[in-house]
Amino acid sequence: MPRPLGELEDAVMTRVWQWNRPVTVREVLEDLQQERSIAYTTVMTVMDNLHQKGWVRREAEGRAYRYTAVSTRAAYSAALMNEAWSTSDNPAAALVAFFGMMSAEQRDALRDAFRIVGYDDGSAAEPPAGSAAPSPAVAPSEPPPAEGDSAGRGTEPGR
């Protein structure tokens, strides 16, 4: 489980995730300088630390590096939520309290997530029979197989 990112690490990773392309220290520095006064060496150190921690990979380009995120912001958030939930001494109570804090938009997103992973209306306690639940840190790459289609090809014409 990842440790939560520090404030500056989060600011750097936010840019790497948003831009969704290899970035240089200089690019991140210039964007950060719009919000705060910060030195090139500080950003370089943070990006090197993120590389050492496994958050970004880097490839040499001339005398500089280009950094790319190893996973998504969604995967990071999911891992943090999973860690917080799994360390509770009463996971059911923790979930009830968490759901009670959710806004209407967050509840809508939860219902959408249940639909994506194949739970009919969010009331199912387990995944449908014969299907494995996807890892909470990885979004499914395609919808679950159609009912009765163990090969996952669906039943629509042309598939």
Protein backbone atom coordinates (compact mmCIF):
# COMPACT_ATOMS: atom_id res chain seq x y z
CA MET A 1 0.00 0.00 0.00
CA PRO A 2 1.37 3.38 -0.91
CA ARG A 3 1.96 6.02 1.70
CA PRO A 4 -0.06 9.15 1.03
CA LEU A 5 1.91 11.60 -1.08
CA GLY A 6 3.30 14.69 0.59
CA GLU A 7 2.04 18.13 -0.49
CA LEU A 8 4.81 18.79 -3.04
CA GLU A 9 4.83 15.18 -4.25
CA ASP A 10 1.09 15.45 -4.84
CA ALA A 11 1.50 18.74 -6.72
CA VAL A 12 4.11 17.12 -9.00
CA MET A 13 2.14 13.91 -9.51
CA THR A 14 -1.04 15.89 -10.24
CA ARG A 15 0.72 17.43 -13.22
CA VAL A 16 2.19 14.13 -14.38
CA TRP A 17 -1.27 12.50 -14.16
CA GLN A 18 -3.11 15.41 -15.79
CA TRP A 19 -0.69 15.81 -18.67
CA ASN A 20 -0.62 12.04 -19.24
CA ARG A 21 2.64 12.13 -21.19
CA PRO A 22 6.35 12.03 -20.42
CA VAL A 23 7.36 15.27 -18.68
CA THR A 24 10.62 16.96 -17.76
CA VAL A 25 11.60 18.59 -14.49
CA ARG A 26 11.70 21.93 -16.34
CA GLU A 27 8.06 21.58 -17.49
CA VAL A 28 6.85 20.73 -13.99
CA LEU A 29 8.97 23.53 -12.51
CA GLU A 30 7.53 26.16 -14.87
CA ASP A 31 3.98 25.10 -14.08
CA LEU A 32 4.59 25.00 -10.31
CA GLN A 33 6.18 28.46 -10.44
CA GLN A 34 2.81 29.89 -11.47
CA GLU A 35 1.61 29.05 -7.94
CA ARG A 36 4.71 29.31 -5.77
CA SER A 37 8.37 30.19 -5.69
CA ILE A 38 10.31 26.97 -6.05
CA ALA A 39 13.83 25.99 -7.16
CA TYR A 40 14.69 23.66 -10.04
CA THR A 41 16.73 21.47 -7.69
CA THR A 42 13.75 21.06 -5.36
CA VAL A 43 11.52 19.79 -8.18
CA MET A 44 14.35 17.59 -9.47
CA THR A 45 14.78 16.06 -5.99
CA VAL A 46 11.04 15.44 -5.61
CA MET A 47 10.84 13.79 -9.04
CA ASP A 48 13.89 11.66 -8.24
CA ASN A 49 12.26 10.65 -4.93
CA LEU A 50 9.04 9.76 -6.78
CA HIS A 51 11.13 7.61 -9.13
CA GLN A 52 12.86 5.90 -6.19
CA LYS A 53 9.46 5.22 -4.58
CA GLY A 54 8.12 3.71 -7.79
CA TRP A 55 5.55 6.39 -8.65
CA VAL A 56 7.19 7.37 -11.94
CA ARG A 57 9.54 5.76 -14.42
CA ARG A 58 12.09 7.82 -16.25
CA GLU A 59 14.00 7.67 -19.49
CA ALA A 60 17.06 9.68 -20.38
CA GLU A 61 16.67 12.26 -23.11
CA GLY A 62 19.94 14.07 -23.68
CA ARG A 63 21.10 15.40 -20.34
CA ALA A 64 17.62 15.32 -18.83
CA TYR A 65 15.02 12.71 -17.93
CA ARG A 66 11.43 12.36 -19.07
CA TYR A 67 9.15 11.07 -16.31
CA THR A 68 5.96 9.05 -16.80
CA ALA A 69 3.43 7.95 -14.18
CA VAL A 70 3.52 4.25 -13.33
CA SER A 71 -0.20 4.14 -12.42
CA THR A 72 -3.23 6.41 -12.51
CA ARG A 73 -4.56 8.86 -9.96
CA ALA A 74 -7.66 6.65 -9.71
CA ALA A 75 -5.51 3.64 -8.81
CA TYR A 76 -3.67 5.71 -6.18
CA SER A 77 -6.97 6.91 -4.67
CA ALA A 78 -8.39 3.39 -4.68
CA ALA A 79 -5.32 2.03 -2.90
CA LEU A 80 -5.60 4.72 -0.21
CA MET A 81 -9.30 3.99 0.30
CA ASN A 82 -8.67 0.24 0.44
CA GLU A 83 -5.90 0.68 3.00
CA ALA A 84 -8.05 2.91 5.21
CA TRP A 85 -10.97 0.49 5.02
CA SER A 86 -8.94 -2.68 5.54
CA THR A 87 -7.25 -1.34 8.68
CA SER A 88 -10.57 -0.65 10.39
CA ASP A 89 -11.50 -2.88 13.30
CA ASN A 90 -15.10 -2.76 12.01
CA PRO A 91 -15.06 -2.50 8.20
CA ALA A 92 -18.87 -2.53 7.87
CA ALA A 93 -19.24 0.39 10.29
CA ALA A 94 -16.44 2.24 8.49
CA LEU A 95 -18.26 1.83 5.16
CA VAL A 96 -21.57 2.99 6.66
CA ALA A 97 -19.86 6.09 8.06
CA PHE A 98 -18.08 6.69 4.74
CA PHE A 99 -21.32 6.40 2.76
CA GLY A 100 -22.94 8.83 5.19
CA MET A 101 -20.28 11.43 4.32
CA MET A 102 -20.81 11.13 0.56
CA SER A 103 -22.35 13.90 -1.50
CA ALA A 104 -25.13 13.17 -3.99
CA GLU A 105 -22.55 13.27 -6.80
CA GLN A 106 -20.34 10.77 -4.99
CA ARG A 107 -23.30 8.43 -4.43
CA ASP A 108 -24.09 8.68 -8.16
CA ALA A 109 -20.46 7.81 -8.95
CA LEU A 110 -20.69 4.82 -6.59
CA ARG A 111 -23.83 3.58 -8.36
CA ASP A 112 -22.06 4.01 -11.71
CA ALA A 113 -19.08 2.04 -10.43
CA PHE A 114 -21.34 -0.80 -9.29
CA ARG A 115 -22.90 -0.90 -12.75
CA ILE A 116 -19.47 -1.00 -14.41
CA VAL A 117 -18.32 -3.98 -12.35
CA GLY A 118 -21.58 -5.82 -12.97
CA TYR A 119 -23.53 -5.28 -9.75
CA ASP A 120 -27.12 -4.63 -10.82
CA ASP A 121 -28.16 -1.79 -8.54
CA GLY A 122 -25.36 -1.60 -6.01
CA SER A 123 -27.22 -3.88 -3.59
CA ALA A 124 -25.37 -7.09 -4.51
CA ALA A 125 -23.02 -8.28 -1.80
CA GLU A 126 -20.88 -10.34 -4.18
CA PRO A 127 -19.99 -10.31 -7.87
CA PRO A 128 -22.32 -12.26 -10.15
CA ALA A 129 -21.69 -16.03 -10.15
CA GLY A 130 -18.86 -17.09 -12.42
CA SER A 131 -17.21 -13.69 -12.67
CA ALA A 132 -14.27 -12.40 -10.73
CA ALA A 133 -14.38 -8.96 -9.21
CA PRO A 134 -11.77 -6.64 -10.73
CA SER A 135 -8.97 -5.34 -8.58
CA PRO A 136 -10.10 -2.14 -6.85
CA ALA A 137 -7.01 -0.31 -8.14
CA VAL A 138 -7.55 -1.19 -11.80
CA ALA A 139 -10.49 -0.14 -13.92
CA PRO A 140 -11.97 -2.89 -16.06
CA SER A 141 -10.83 -2.74 -19.65
CA GLU A 142 -14.18 -3.86 -21.02
CA PRO A 143 -17.67 -4.62 -19.72
CA PRO A 144 -18.27 -7.96 -18.01
CA PRO A 145 -19.27 -10.87 -20.26
CA ALA A 146 -22.91 -11.17 -21.22
CA GLU A 147 -24.93 -13.57 -19.09
CA GLY A 148 -24.51 -17.16 -20.24
CA ASP A 149 -21.43 -16.36 -22.32
CA SER A 150 -18.48 -17.88 -20.51
CA ALA A 151 -16.08 -16.82 -23.27
CA GLY A 152 -16.91 -13.16 -22.71
CA ARG A 153 -17.88 -12.51 -26.35
CA GLY A 154 -21.35 -11.15 -25.71
CA THR A 155 -24.42 -12.07 -27.71
CA GLU A 156 -24.73 -9.05 -29.97
CA PRO A 157 -24.52 -9.59 -33.74
CA GLY A 158 -21.10 -8.93 -35.16
CA ARG A 159 -19.21 -9.69 -31.97
